[in-house]
Amino acid sequence: MHTFTNLMYDLYQSFGLFKKGDRRSDMRAYVSFSRHQEFFGNRDDEIKRYDEISEIIDGGEVFSKEERRTFFYKYEQLYNSLIAVPVFTELSREEIKKRYATHILPRLIALDIFKTYKPDNEDSFYHHIHLFLQKKYCPCWDDKKEGSYSAAKEYLKEYTRVFSTHKENIFPIIEHIDNIREDNSQRQETLAEAINECYIAYAHIVKKNDLAVIEKNLKKIKSAHYSLTVLLNVERQLPLIKIVSKYYRDYLAHGIRPNGISEMLSRYIYKPEDHDFLPHDGIVNYIVSYYYSRVITPISFNMERESIHYIKKVKDIIFNLNSTTTYSGADLINLAIKLKNSPDKNVLKPYLDLVMLIYSISYGELEDTYEAVKIIDPNALPVGYLSSAFYIIHIALQIKLEKKKIKKGVLLSDINIIIENQGGYTDFILAEPTYIDYDNIACTNDEIKKISAKFSDSKFHQHSIFTNPNNITIMRAVRMYNHMLKRISYRNEIESNDINPDSIYGLLDKIDYALGKIIKTINKENVISSQDLASILRDKKILTKREMNKNLVGILENCTLTNCIANLSNLYLYLRSPREELNNINMLNGISAANISRRNLIYDALKILEVNDHTSGKNVKESGRIK
């Protein structure tokens, strides 16, 4: 499982949010990263479990649920960026991840408490944590203290001391508190039983007004116990309370100091400064550099500057989609020799292996390369981009050589490795017409509407194939492989207008063929109305059932013809091989008014057919989108 996802499951469990009957081990065992994203609810039709966490820690909505989901996304991107930086050490991957977590999580927790907690809200989740972290017995400074569990007991027992009469009635709660220890994660249900027992005992012997006060104090104990239980559940995973207390006290005393790591984390996660001089990627790079120098550098081998340069060059060959720098076979062999003869050659061996695979691809030795990359063990590779690079090549060659054998789910294990190790990246995709919101523009002039129209996040998530992380990972792998081949292939030295036979091509053929039939129908029948086009397509059975309803890009999910039209320009950008002719797609691709108009005509007709399919032939009005 993706490590960050595993952390989120641990967090969800720490809050006690799993329901009775949830098969937790099965949930964790899901191979698909998108299944884990579904679990945490990224789409409108999914349960938003991140929202469940947000409702607990920020019930007063200091930050909206949408903002909170963005925070979780930023945590994930920061994790990916940290873990993608090459590390040269004897420590294992798990040890390195634990070192990063130990250094960065306490500051993130302290920051969120500081940003979220409001003193006037005693019912908030962070209220008792805010008080607890400032107590003299909170194990912050003195290592001789008994620890976090003893401190939590002391804090909770302070609330039991307000019961001045009939103290024997409070004994079930005290007994429950005394049972707090490292090897015993307590459940709310057990405390609720103890509280109910105490309440019943008091109800028989005190006046009504006194009982109301007792009930209020019992609720405080319950609230305090829940907050500290969650905190201790986190502590059991990774001892953090001591350092969280240190950071939090510092924030309370001095605020977030300018020009420090806390300010950078705050700007990255919560809100950039007005007119921030650092772009988003710049802030991420600052944070990664800060923690790398403190967490990794002290336990790293001393690497030659030249060795670092070679490592960056290898990364550029695979990942840089903007570079046009070409590498001949001699260039790649020269790079391999430098890696092999480097004083750091023992550490650089996996990078040398990667260069030799790239060299084999450059000379068309795809089958041999595929067999070699199959036996790579990702767990044996050092932390950094290497795992992602090897598995991008593995996915690409599997698509190239075994496309017909690829069934749903076959690529998922590779996808998880790529996602975890590729680091943060920014891909610019084209704003397809179906992503644009024209509906709320008070203007009758179509041209002004087009200029004023804005990108719609909800429409993007509704229509885009790119919201599926498996799809985008596979498409990027295809695009990176084809782009790399364009830069390294020996065939580049041969003047030719033909497709490079070593490239991945033909992925869009079914879409192109289906569109060809539709375009021919439009031209022959002189169709200008989506309703008319839908009727002709249905009555004359222009499209097969497979073309209408099935997935037309076998390596991806949810690529019906309708969805492909909605994402046509971006599918073309990612999945077309250089020099590949896709004449019918080309007639619809691009941003010219004529192409967009015709694409909308076809898209609306297909949507009408979909609706008619679902309503068993009922009359459906045309969608009325702006053309």
Foldseek 3Di string as FASTA:
>chain_A
DQPLLVVVLLLCVLLVNDDPPDPSVVQVPDLFPLSSVLQCPPAPPGDNSLVVVCCQQAVVPPPPSVLSVLLSVLVQQLLQFLLAAFFAFPDFSVVLSLLLCQPPVLLVVLLVLVSRDDQVCCLHLCNLVLVLLPDPLAQAPDPPRPYRLVSLLVSLVVLLVVPPPPSVLLVLLNVVSVPRDLVDQDDLVSNVVSLVSSLVVVVVPDDPVVSVVVVVSSVSSSSNVSSSSSVSSVCSVPNRSNVSSVSNVCCVVPNQDPPDLSVLSCCQSPNNDVVHPADNVRSSVVNSVVCCVVRRVVRGDDADPVLVVLVVVLCCLQQPLPDQAFAELVNLVVSLVCCCPGPCVVSCVLVSVSSVLLSCLQAPVLVVSLVVLVPDDLSPHGRHQSLLRSLLSNLQSCCLPPVVVDAPPPSSNSLSSNSSHVRDDDDDADQFPQQKDLPPDPDDDLVVSVVPIDGHPNSCSVQALVVRSQQVSSLSSLQSVLSSNCRYHPCVVPDDLDFDSSHQADQCVLLLVLLVLLVVVCVVVVDQALQVSLVCCVVVVSDDPCQLDHASRRSGPPRHSLSCLRRVQRCCNRHHHPSDDSPSSVCQDDDDPVNSSVSVSPNQSSVLNVVCVVVVNDDDDGPPDRD
